[in-house]
Amino acid sequence: MTPLRPPRFRRSRTAKTVEALIDVLSALTAERQVLRASEAGSMKLERNRIAIARAQWELSHALIERYAPADAVAQSAA
């Protein structure tokens, strides 16, 4: 069984586009609404919450890569 909370988020090996990450977030949010409506257990809700947080984290990095000047991204990676 995998731990509920990873020690920290890491970038996926395959970078998703901003648009794909928005779609993932939309699906995860819809899933959360269904889970809450069906009074799902706390374990399922927590896994969904972590998936949402990870997708938001990845989206923020994808947006930074898209809109930040290249030299600023290189400096923040160092």
N, C-alpha and C. Protein backbone atom coordinates (compact mmCIF):
# COMPACT_ATOMS: atom_id res chain seq x y z
N MET A 1 0.84 -1.18 0.00
CA MET A 1 0.00 0.00 0.00
C MET A 1 0.89 1.25 0.00
N THR A 2 0.56 2.19 -0.84
CA THR A 2 1.34 3.42 -0.92
C THR A 2 0.93 4.36 0.21
N PRO A 3 1.87 5.14 0.69
CA PRO A 3 1.53 6.08 1.76
C PRO A 3 0.56 7.13 1.26
N LEU A 4 -0.28 7.63 2.16
CA LEU A 4 -1.24 8.65 1.78
C LEU A 4 -0.56 9.94 1.37
N ARG A 5 0.43 10.34 2.10
CA ARG A 5 1.07 11.63 1.85
C ARG A 5 2.50 11.42 1.40
N PRO A 6 2.81 11.78 0.15
CA PRO A 6 4.20 11.66 -0.28
C PRO A 6 5.06 12.66 0.48
N PRO A 7 6.36 12.37 0.64
CA PRO A 7 7.21 13.30 1.37
C PRO A 7 7.24 14.69 0.74
N ARG A 8 7.15 14.75 -0.57
CA ARG A 8 7.06 16.02 -1.29
C ARG A 8 6.65 15.71 -2.71
N PHE A 9 6.15 16.71 -3.39
CA PHE A 9 5.75 16.51 -4.78
C PHE A 9 6.97 16.55 -5.67
N ARG A 10 6.94 15.75 -6.71
CA ARG A 10 7.99 15.76 -7.73
C ARG A 10 7.33 15.91 -9.08
N ARG A 11 8.06 16.48 -10.00
CA ARG A 11 7.53 16.64 -11.35
C ARG A 11 7.38 15.29 -12.01
N SER A 12 6.35 15.14 -12.80
CA SER A 12 6.15 13.91 -13.54
C SER A 12 7.24 13.76 -14.60
N ARG A 13 7.53 12.54 -14.94
CA ARG A 13 8.53 12.32 -15.99
C ARG A 13 8.04 12.83 -17.33
N THR A 14 6.75 12.73 -17.55
CA THR A 14 6.17 13.25 -18.79
C THR A 14 5.43 14.54 -18.45
N ALA A 15 5.94 15.64 -18.95
CA ALA A 15 5.34 16.94 -18.66
C ALA A 15 4.01 17.06 -19.39
N LYS A 16 2.99 17.46 -18.64
CA LYS A 16 1.66 17.68 -19.22
C LYS A 16 1.52 19.15 -19.56
N THR A 17 0.69 19.42 -20.53
CA THR A 17 0.44 20.80 -20.90
C THR A 17 -0.46 21.46 -19.86
N VAL A 18 -0.48 22.77 -19.88
CA VAL A 18 -1.36 23.53 -18.99
C VAL A 18 -2.80 23.09 -19.20
N GLU A 19 -3.18 22.95 -20.45
CA GLU A 19 -4.56 22.57 -20.77
C GLU A 19 -4.89 21.17 -20.25
N ALA A 20 -3.96 20.24 -20.39
CA ALA A 20 -4.19 18.87 -19.89
C ALA A 20 -4.32 18.87 -18.37
N LEU A 21 -3.51 19.68 -17.69
CA LEU A 21 -3.57 19.75 -16.24
C LEU A 21 -4.88 20.38 -15.77
N ILE A 22 -5.38 21.36 -16.51
CA ILE A 22 -6.68 21.95 -16.18
C ILE A 22 -7.78 20.89 -16.31
N ASP A 23 -7.69 20.06 -17.35
CA ASP A 23 -8.66 18.97 -17.52
C ASP A 23 -8.57 17.97 -16.36
N VAL A 24 -7.36 17.64 -15.94
CA VAL A 24 -7.17 16.72 -14.82
C VAL A 24 -7.80 17.31 -13.56
N LEU A 25 -7.53 18.59 -13.30
CA LEU A 25 -8.11 19.25 -12.12
C LEU A 25 -9.63 19.26 -12.17
N SER A 26 -10.18 19.49 -13.33
CA SER A 26 -11.63 19.49 -13.49
C SER A 26 -12.21 18.12 -13.16
N ALA A 27 -11.57 17.07 -13.67
CA ALA A 27 -12.04 15.71 -13.40
C ALA A 27 -11.91 15.36 -11.92
N LEU A 28 -10.79 15.74 -11.31
CA LEU A 28 -10.59 15.46 -9.89
C LEU A 28 -11.60 16.21 -9.02
N THR A 29 -11.93 17.43 -9.40
CA THR A 29 -12.90 18.21 -8.65
C THR A 29 -14.29 17.60 -8.77
N ALA A 30 -14.64 17.17 -9.97
CA ALA A 30 -15.93 16.50 -10.17
C ALA A 30 -15.99 15.20 -9.35
N GLU A 31 -14.87 14.47 -9.36
CA GLU A 31 -14.80 13.24 -8.58
C GLU A 31 -14.99 13.53 -7.08
N ARG A 32 -14.40 14.61 -6.61
CA ARG A 32 -14.53 14.97 -5.19
C ARG A 32 -15.97 15.30 -4.83
N GLN A 33 -16.66 15.98 -5.72
CA GLN A 33 -18.07 16.29 -5.47
C GLN A 33 -18.90 15.02 -5.36
N VAL A 34 -18.61 14.04 -6.22
CA VAL A 34 -19.32 12.76 -6.16
C VAL A 34 -18.98 12.03 -4.87
N LEU A 35 -17.70 12.04 -4.49
CA LEU A 35 -17.28 11.39 -3.25
C LEU A 35 -17.99 12.00 -2.04
N ARG A 36 -18.07 13.32 -2.01
CA ARG A 36 -18.71 13.97 -0.87
C ARG A 36 -20.21 13.72 -0.86
N ALA A 37 -20.83 13.72 -2.03
CA ALA A 37 -22.27 13.47 -2.12
C ALA A 37 -22.62 12.05 -1.68
N SER A 38 -21.72 11.12 -1.96
CA SER A 38 -21.97 9.71 -1.60
C SER A 38 -21.42 9.37 -0.22
N GLU A 39 -20.96 10.40 0.50
CA GLU A 39 -20.42 10.24 1.85
C GLU A 39 -19.32 9.17 1.88
N ALA A 40 -18.38 9.32 0.96
CA ALA A 40 -17.24 8.39 0.87
C ALA A 40 -16.41 8.49 2.14
N GLY A 41 -15.63 7.46 2.37
CA GLY A 41 -14.78 7.42 3.54
C GLY A 41 -13.67 8.45 3.49
N SER A 42 -13.10 8.71 4.64
CA SER A 42 -12.05 9.73 4.74
C SER A 42 -10.82 9.36 3.93
N MET A 43 -10.53 8.06 3.79
CA MET A 43 -9.36 7.63 3.02
C MET A 43 -9.50 8.02 1.55
N LYS A 44 -10.67 7.80 0.97
CA LYS A 44 -10.88 8.16 -0.44
C LYS A 44 -10.83 9.67 -0.63
N LEU A 45 -11.43 10.40 0.31
CA LEU A 45 -11.40 11.86 0.21
C LEU A 45 -9.97 12.39 0.33
N GLU A 46 -9.19 11.80 1.21
CA GLU A 46 -7.81 12.25 1.40
C GLU A 46 -6.97 11.97 0.16
N ARG A 47 -7.14 10.81 -0.44
CA ARG A 47 -6.41 10.49 -1.68
C ARG A 47 -6.79 11.48 -2.79
N ASN A 48 -8.06 11.80 -2.87
CA ASN A 48 -8.51 12.76 -3.87
C ASN A 48 -7.93 14.14 -3.58
N ARG A 49 -7.90 14.55 -2.32
CA ARG A 49 -7.34 15.85 -1.95
C ARG A 49 -5.88 15.95 -2.34
N ILE A 50 -5.14 14.88 -2.09
CA ILE A 50 -3.72 14.87 -2.44
C ILE A 50 -3.54 14.93 -3.95
N ALA A 51 -4.38 14.21 -4.69
CA ALA A 51 -4.31 14.25 -6.16
C ALA A 51 -4.59 15.66 -6.67
N ILE A 52 -5.55 16.34 -6.06
CA ILE A 52 -5.86 17.72 -6.46
C ILE A 52 -4.68 18.63 -6.16
N ALA A 53 -4.10 18.50 -4.97
CA ALA A 53 -2.96 19.34 -4.59
C ALA A 53 -1.79 19.11 -5.54
N ARG A 54 -1.54 17.86 -5.89
CA ARG A 54 -0.43 17.55 -6.81
C ARG A 54 -0.68 18.16 -8.18
N ALA A 55 -1.92 18.03 -8.68
CA ALA A 55 -2.25 18.59 -9.99
C ALA A 55 -2.11 20.11 -9.97
N GLN A 56 -2.52 20.75 -8.87
CA GLN A 56 -2.36 22.20 -8.76
C GLN A 56 -0.89 22.59 -8.74
N TRP A 57 -0.08 21.80 -8.05
CA TRP A 57 1.36 22.04 -7.98
C TRP A 57 1.98 21.92 -9.37
N GLU A 58 1.61 20.86 -10.09
CA GLU A 58 2.13 20.68 -11.45
C GLU A 58 1.67 21.80 -12.37
N LEU A 59 0.41 22.22 -12.21
CA LEU A 59 -0.12 23.31 -13.04
C LEU A 59 0.67 24.60 -12.78
N SER A 60 0.96 24.89 -11.54
CA SER A 60 1.71 26.12 -11.25
C SER A 60 3.08 26.09 -11.91
N HIS A 61 3.74 24.94 -11.88
CA HIS A 61 5.06 24.83 -12.52
C HIS A 61 4.95 24.90 -14.04
N ALA A 62 3.90 24.31 -14.59
CA ALA A 62 3.70 24.39 -16.04
C ALA A 62 3.45 25.84 -16.47
N LEU A 63 2.70 26.58 -15.67
CA LEU A 63 2.44 27.98 -15.99
C LEU A 63 3.71 28.82 -15.87
N ILE A 64 4.52 28.54 -14.86
CA ILE A 64 5.79 29.24 -14.72
C ILE A 64 6.67 28.99 -15.93
N GLU A 65 6.76 27.72 -16.35
CA GLU A 65 7.58 27.40 -17.52
C GLU A 65 7.07 28.07 -18.78
N ARG A 66 5.75 28.20 -18.88
CA ARG A 66 5.17 28.80 -20.09
C ARG A 66 5.38 30.31 -20.13
N TYR A 67 5.20 30.99 -19.00
CA TYR A 67 5.15 32.44 -19.03
C TYR A 67 6.37 33.15 -18.44
N ALA A 68 7.17 32.48 -17.65
CA ALA A 68 8.34 33.14 -17.06
C ALA A 68 9.45 33.23 -18.11
N PRO A 69 10.23 34.30 -18.07
CA PRO A 69 11.37 34.38 -18.98
C PRO A 69 12.31 33.19 -18.72
N ALA A 70 12.95 32.72 -19.75
CA ALA A 70 13.81 31.54 -19.66
C ALA A 70 14.92 31.70 -18.63
N ASP A 71 15.52 32.88 -18.52
CA ASP A 71 16.59 33.07 -17.57
C ASP A 71 16.09 33.02 -16.13
N ALA A 72 14.86 33.45 -15.87
CA ALA A 72 14.31 33.38 -14.52
C ALA A 72 14.04 31.94 -14.11
N VAL A 73 13.58 31.11 -15.06
CA VAL A 73 13.35 29.70 -14.78
C VAL A 73 14.67 29.00 -14.49
N ALA A 74 15.71 29.31 -15.25
CA ALA A 74 17.01 28.69 -15.05
C ALA A 74 17.58 29.08 -13.68
N GLN A 75 17.39 30.32 -13.27
CA GLN A 75 17.89 30.76 -11.97
C GLN A 75 17.15 30.10 -10.83
N SER A 76 15.83 29.90 -10.97
CA SER A 76 15.07 29.27 -9.89
C SER A 76 15.36 27.79 -9.77
N ALA A 77 15.79 27.17 -10.84
CA ALA A 77 16.15 25.74 -10.82
C ALA A 77 17.50 25.51 -10.18
N ALA A 78 18.35 26.52 -10.18
CA ALA A 78 19.70 26.36 -9.64
C ALA A 78 19.74 26.42 -8.14
